[in-house]
Amino acid sequence: MRHALEAHTRAALPTMEEVGAQLGDVSRGARALWDGTSGPAARPARGARVTKSRSG
């Protein structure tokens, strides 16, 4: 097992277009996380149900 793990090479990460082609539409939030931005584009999609945490 150790030899298999050490000899393994990682595949390249898929592009956002490849992910969308396999899974369907990608939300703005998912795109923002993919791009490394978490500004206004990461807000929930229109119509999404959002619950707020009660911890505090």
PDB file of N, CA and C in Angstrom:
ATOM      1  N   MET A   1       0.826  -1.178   0.000  1.00  0.00           N
ATOM      2  CA  MET A   1       0.000   0.000   0.000  1.00  0.00           C
ATOM      3  C   MET A   1       0.877   1.251   0.000  1.00  0.00           C
ATOM      4  N   ARG A   2       1.893   1.253   0.827  1.00  0.00           N
ATOM      5  CA  ARG A   2       2.781   2.416   0.896  1.00  0.00           C
ATOM      6  C   ARG A   2       3.414   2.689  -0.468  1.00  0.00           C
ATOM      7  N   HIS A   3       3.887   1.627  -1.123  1.00  0.00           N
ATOM      8  CA  HIS A   3       4.496   1.790  -2.444  1.00  0.00           C
ATOM      9  C   HIS A   3       3.488   2.365  -3.436  1.00  0.00           C
ATOM     10  N   ALA A   4       2.258   1.899  -3.386  1.00  0.00           N
ATOM     11  CA  ALA A   4       1.221   2.400  -4.296  1.00  0.00           C
ATOM     12  C   ALA A   4       0.968   3.883  -4.065  1.00  0.00           C
ATOM     13  N   LEU A   5       0.914   4.295  -2.813  1.00  0.00           N
ATOM     14  CA  LEU A   5       0.675   5.709  -2.497  1.00  0.00           C
ATOM     15  C   LEU A   5       1.854   6.580  -2.923  1.00  0.00           C
ATOM     16  N   GLU A   6       3.057   6.107  -2.696  1.00  0.00           N
ATOM     17  CA  GLU A   6       4.240   6.887  -3.061  1.00  0.00           C
ATOM     18  C   GLU A   6       4.424   6.963  -4.571  1.00  0.00           C
ATOM     19  N   ALA A   7       4.007   5.939  -5.303  1.00  0.00           N
ATOM     20  CA  ALA A   7       4.172   5.916  -6.755  1.00  0.00           C
ATOM     21  C   ALA A   7       3.046   6.636  -7.490  1.00  0.00           C
ATOM     22  N   HIS A   8       1.960   6.944  -6.793  1.00  0.00           N
ATOM     23  CA  HIS A   8       0.794   7.562  -7.422  1.00  0.00           C
ATOM     24  C   HIS A   8       1.066   9.017  -7.797  1.00  0.00           C
ATOM     25  N   THR A   9       0.635   9.402  -8.986  1.00  0.00           N
ATOM     26  CA  THR A   9       0.705  10.802  -9.387  1.00  0.00           C
ATOM     27  C   THR A   9      -0.718  11.334  -9.484  1.00  0.00           C
ATOM     28  N   ARG A  10      -0.923  12.525  -8.968  1.00  0.00           N
ATOM     29  CA  ARG A  10      -2.254  13.127  -8.963  1.00  0.00           C
ATOM     30  C   ARG A  10      -2.636  13.603 -10.352  1.00  0.00           C
ATOM     31  N   ALA A  11      -3.884  13.444 -10.665  1.00  0.00           N
ATOM     32  CA  ALA A  11      -4.417  13.948 -11.935  1.00  0.00           C
ATOM     33  C   ALA A  11      -4.597  15.459 -11.820  1.00  0.00           C
ATOM     34  N   ALA A  12      -4.628  16.120 -12.956  1.00  0.00           N
ATOM     35  CA  ALA A  12      -4.862  17.566 -12.970  1.00  0.00           C
ATOM     36  C   ALA A  12      -6.285  17.849 -12.501  1.00  0.00           C
ATOM     37  N   LEU A  13      -6.467  18.984 -11.834  1.00  0.00           N
ATOM     38  CA  LEU A  13      -7.805  19.384 -11.411  1.00  0.00           C
ATOM     39  C   LEU A  13      -8.652  19.715 -12.632  1.00  0.00           C
ATOM     40  N   PRO A  14      -9.928  19.391 -12.589  1.00  0.00           N
ATOM     41  CA  PRO A  14     -10.795  19.733 -13.722  1.00  0.00           C
ATOM     42  C   PRO A  14     -11.033  21.235 -13.766  1.00  0.00           C
ATOM     43  N   THR A  15     -11.393  21.727 -14.931  1.00  0.00           N
ATOM     44  CA  THR A  15     -11.754  23.142 -15.061  1.00  0.00           C
ATOM     45  C   THR A  15     -13.202  23.317 -14.619  1.00  0.00           C
ATOM     46  N   MET A  16     -13.600  24.545 -14.364  1.00  0.00           N
ATOM     47  CA  MET A  16     -14.976  24.820 -13.979  1.00  0.00           C
ATOM     48  C   MET A  16     -15.937  24.402 -15.096  1.00  0.00           C
ATOM     49  N   GLU A  17     -15.504  24.535 -16.338  1.00  0.00           N
ATOM     50  CA  GLU A  17     -16.346  24.128 -17.466  1.00  0.00           C
ATOM     51  C   GLU A  17     -16.562  22.612 -17.470  1.00  0.00           C
ATOM     52  N   GLU A  18     -15.518  21.862 -17.149  1.00  0.00           N
ATOM     53  CA  GLU A  18     -15.643  20.406 -17.078  1.00  0.00           C
ATOM     54  C   GLU A  18     -16.575  19.988 -15.941  1.00  0.00           C
ATOM     55  N   VAL A  19     -16.459  20.665 -14.817  1.00  0.00           N
ATOM     56  CA  VAL A  19     -17.327  20.369 -13.676  1.00  0.00           C
ATOM     57  C   VAL A  19     -18.780  20.664 -14.056  1.00  0.00           C
ATOM     58  N   GLY A  20     -19.020  21.820 -14.666  1.00  0.00           N
ATOM     59  CA  GLY A  20     -20.370  22.184 -15.078  1.00  0.00           C
ATOM     60  C   GLY A  20     -20.943  21.223 -16.103  1.00  0.00           C
ATOM     61  N   ALA A  21     -20.103  20.734 -17.002  1.00  0.00           N
ATOM     62  CA  ALA A  21     -20.572  19.797 -18.017  1.00  0.00           C
ATOM     63  C   ALA A  21     -21.011  18.471 -17.388  1.00  0.00           C
ATOM     64  N   GLN A  22     -20.347  18.065 -16.316  1.00  0.00           N
ATOM     65  CA  GLN A  22     -20.685  16.794 -15.675  1.00  0.00           C
ATOM     66  C   GLN A  22     -21.802  16.927 -14.654  1.00  0.00           C
ATOM     67  N   LEU A  23     -21.852  18.057 -13.942  1.00  0.00           N
ATOM     68  CA  LEU A  23     -22.801  18.197 -12.837  1.00  0.00           C
ATOM     69  C   LEU A  23     -23.975  19.114 -13.136  1.00  0.00           C
ATOM     70  N   GLY A  24     -23.883  19.913 -14.175  1.00  0.00           N
ATOM     71  CA  GLY A  24     -24.936  20.881 -14.460  1.00  0.00           C
ATOM     72  C   GLY A  24     -24.523  22.267 -14.007  1.00  0.00           C
ATOM     73  N   ASP A  25     -25.504  23.152 -13.898  1.00  0.00           N
ATOM     74  CA  ASP A  25     -25.224  24.541 -13.534  1.00  0.00           C
ATOM     75  C   ASP A  25     -24.463  24.635 -12.220  1.00  0.00           C
ATOM     76  N   VAL A  26     -23.524  25.565 -12.169  1.00  0.00           N
ATOM     77  CA  VAL A  26     -22.715  25.803 -10.979  1.00  0.00           C
ATOM     78  C   VAL A  26     -23.123  27.144 -10.399  1.00  0.00           C
ATOM     79  N   SER A  27     -23.400  27.188  -9.105  1.00  0.00           N
ATOM     80  CA  SER A  27     -23.871  28.417  -8.461  1.00  0.00           C
ATOM     81  C   SER A  27     -22.775  29.478  -8.412  1.00  0.00           C
ATOM     82  N   ARG A  28     -23.206  30.709  -8.194  1.00  0.00           N
ATOM     83  CA  ARG A  28     -22.234  31.810  -8.058  1.00  0.00           C
ATOM     84  C   ARG A  28     -21.313  31.577  -6.880  1.00  0.00           C
ATOM     85  N   GLY A  29     -21.856  31.037  -5.802  1.00  0.00           N
ATOM     86  CA  GLY A  29     -21.046  30.766  -4.622  1.00  0.00           C
ATOM     87  C   GLY A  29     -19.973  29.723  -4.892  1.00  0.00           C
ATOM     88  N   ALA A  30     -20.344  28.682  -5.621  1.00  0.00           N
ATOM     89  CA  ALA A  30     -19.372  27.645  -5.962  1.00  0.00           C
ATOM     90  C   ALA A  30     -18.285  28.210  -6.859  1.00  0.00           C
ATOM     91  N   ARG A  31     -18.678  29.050  -7.813  1.00  0.00           N
ATOM     92  CA  ARG A  31     -17.685  29.690  -8.687  1.00  0.00           C
ATOM     93  C   ARG A  31     -16.755  30.588  -7.880  1.00  0.00           C
ATOM     94  N   ALA A  32     -17.306  31.328  -6.918  1.00  0.00           N
ATOM     95  CA  ALA A  32     -16.490  32.217  -6.092  1.00  0.00           C
ATOM     96  C   ALA A  32     -15.501  31.409  -5.247  1.00  0.00           C
ATOM     97  N   LEU A  33     -15.950  30.296  -4.712  1.00  0.00           N
ATOM     98  CA  LEU A  33     -15.039  29.450  -3.939  1.00  0.00           C
ATOM     99  C   LEU A  33     -13.955  28.876  -4.832  1.00  0.00           C
ATOM    100  N   TRP A  34     -14.313  28.465  -6.039  1.00  0.00           N
ATOM    101  CA  TRP A  34     -13.359  27.911  -6.998  1.00  0.00           C
ATOM    102  C   TRP A  34     -12.307  28.957  -7.352  1.00  0.00           C
ATOM    103  N   ASP A  35     -12.754  30.197  -7.571  1.00  0.00           N
ATOM    104  CA  ASP A  35     -11.857  31.276  -7.972  1.00  0.00           C
ATOM    105  C   ASP A  35     -11.047  31.837  -6.807  1.00  0.00           C
ATOM    106  N   GLY A  36     -11.460  31.508  -5.589  1.00  0.00           N
ATOM    107  CA  GLY A  36     -10.757  32.033  -4.428  1.00  0.00           C
ATOM    108  C   GLY A  36     -11.288  33.366  -3.956  1.00  0.00           C
ATOM    109  N   THR A  37     -12.415  33.777  -4.501  1.00  0.00           N
ATOM    110  CA  THR A  37     -13.043  35.021  -4.056  1.00  0.00           C
ATOM    111  C   THR A  37     -14.254  34.669  -3.217  1.00  0.00           C
ATOM    112  N   SER A  38     -14.480  35.408  -2.205  1.00  0.00           N
ATOM    113  CA  SER A  38     -15.662  35.138  -1.382  1.00  0.00           C
ATOM    114  C   SER A  38     -16.396  36.433  -1.087  1.00  0.00           C
ATOM    115  N   GLY A  39     -16.480  37.276  -2.082  1.00  0.00           N
ATOM    116  CA  GLY A  39     -17.180  38.542  -1.950  1.00  0.00           C
ATOM    117  C   GLY A  39     -18.652  38.390  -2.274  1.00  0.00           C
ATOM    118  N   PRO A  40     -19.251  39.430  -2.861  1.00  0.00           N
ATOM    119  CA  PRO A  40     -20.678  39.411  -3.165  1.00  0.00           C
ATOM    120  C   PRO A  40     -21.090  38.259  -4.080  1.00  0.00           C
ATOM    121  N   ALA A  41     -20.185  37.757  -4.891  1.00  0.00           N
ATOM    122  CA  ALA A  41     -20.529  36.660  -5.796  1.00  0.00           C
ATOM    123  C   ALA A  41     -20.824  35.378  -5.031  1.00  0.00           C
ATOM    124  N   ALA A  42     -20.395  35.298  -3.787  1.00  0.00           N
ATOM    125  CA  ALA A  42     -20.599  34.080  -3.002  1.00  0.00           C
ATOM    126  C   ALA A  42     -21.928  34.079  -2.262  1.00  0.00           C
ATOM    127  N   ARG A  43     -22.752  35.087  -2.477  1.00  0.00           N
ATOM    128  CA  ARG A  43     -24.042  35.107  -1.791  1.00  0.00           C
ATOM    129  C   ARG A  43     -24.919  33.969  -2.323  1.00  0.00           C
ATOM    130  N   PRO A  44     -25.917  33.568  -1.546  1.00  0.00           N
ATOM    131  CA  PRO A  44     -26.763  32.447  -1.976  1.00  0.00           C
ATOM    132  C   PRO A  44     -27.497  32.749  -3.278  1.00  0.00           C
ATOM    133  N   ALA A  45     -27.783  31.709  -4.009  1.00  0.00           N
ATOM    134  CA  ALA A  45     -28.528  31.855  -5.254  1.00  0.00           C
ATOM    135  C   ALA A  45     -29.939  32.338  -4.956  1.00  0.00           C
ATOM    136  N   ARG A  46     -30.529  33.013  -5.915  1.00  0.00           N
ATOM    137  CA  ARG A  46     -31.887  33.511  -5.755  1.00  0.00           C
ATOM    138  C   ARG A  46     -32.818  32.329  -5.467  1.00  0.00           C
ATOM    139  N   GLY A  47     -33.636  32.459  -4.437  1.00  0.00           N
ATOM    140  CA  GLY A  47     -34.570  31.411  -4.079  1.00  0.00           C
ATOM    141  C   GLY A  47     -34.004  30.366  -3.135  1.00  0.00           C
ATOM    142  N   ALA A  48     -32.717  30.452  -2.817  1.00  0.00           N
ATOM    143  CA  ALA A  48     -32.108  29.477  -1.911  1.00  0.00           C
ATOM    144  C   ALA A  48     -32.617  29.704  -0.497  1.00  0.00           C
ATOM    145  N   ARG A  49     -32.830  28.628   0.226  1.00  0.00           N
ATOM    146  CA  ARG A  49     -33.259  28.731   1.622  1.00  0.00           C
ATOM    147  C   ARG A  49     -32.020  28.826   2.491  1.00  0.00           C
ATOM    148  N   VAL A  50     -31.922  29.880   3.260  1.00  0.00           N
ATOM    149  CA  VAL A  50     -30.745  30.112   4.096  1.00  0.00           C
ATOM    150  C   VAL A  50     -31.183  30.148   5.553  1.00  0.00           C
ATOM    151  N   THR A  51     -30.500  29.393   6.383  1.00  0.00           N
ATOM    152  CA  THR A  51     -30.781  29.422   7.813  1.00  0.00           C
ATOM    153  C   THR A  51     -29.558  29.991   8.514  1.00  0.00           C
ATOM    154  N   LYS A  52     -29.813  30.733   9.553  1.00  0.00           N
ATOM    155  CA  LYS A  52     -28.718  31.332  10.307  1.00  0.00           C
ATOM    156  C   LYS A  52     -28.441  30.479  11.538  1.00  0.00           C
ATOM    157  N   SER A  53     -27.180  30.378  11.877  1.00  0.00           N
ATOM    158  CA  SER A  53     -26.757  29.607  13.030  1.00  0.00           C
ATOM    159  C   SER A  53     -27.206  30.306  14.312  1.00  0.00           C
ATOM    160  N   ARG A  54     -27.590  29.532  15.294  1.00  0.00           N
ATOM    161  CA  ARG A  54     -27.983  30.099  16.582  1.00  0.00           C
ATOM    162  C   ARG A  54     -26.834  30.084  17.575  1.00  0.00           C
ATOM    163  N   SER A  55     -25.678  29.576  17.148  1.00  0.00           N
ATOM    164  CA  SER A  55     -24.545  29.548  18.075  1.00  0.00           C
ATOM    165  C   SER A  55     -23.991  30.952  18.217  1.00  0.00           C
ATOM    166  N   GLY A  56     -23.416  31.232  19.352  1.00  0.00           N
ATOM    167  CA  GLY A  56     -22.882  32.579  19.481  1.00  0.00           C
ATOM    168  C   GLY A  56     -22.272  32.845  20.725  1.00  0.00           C
TER     169      GLY A  56
END
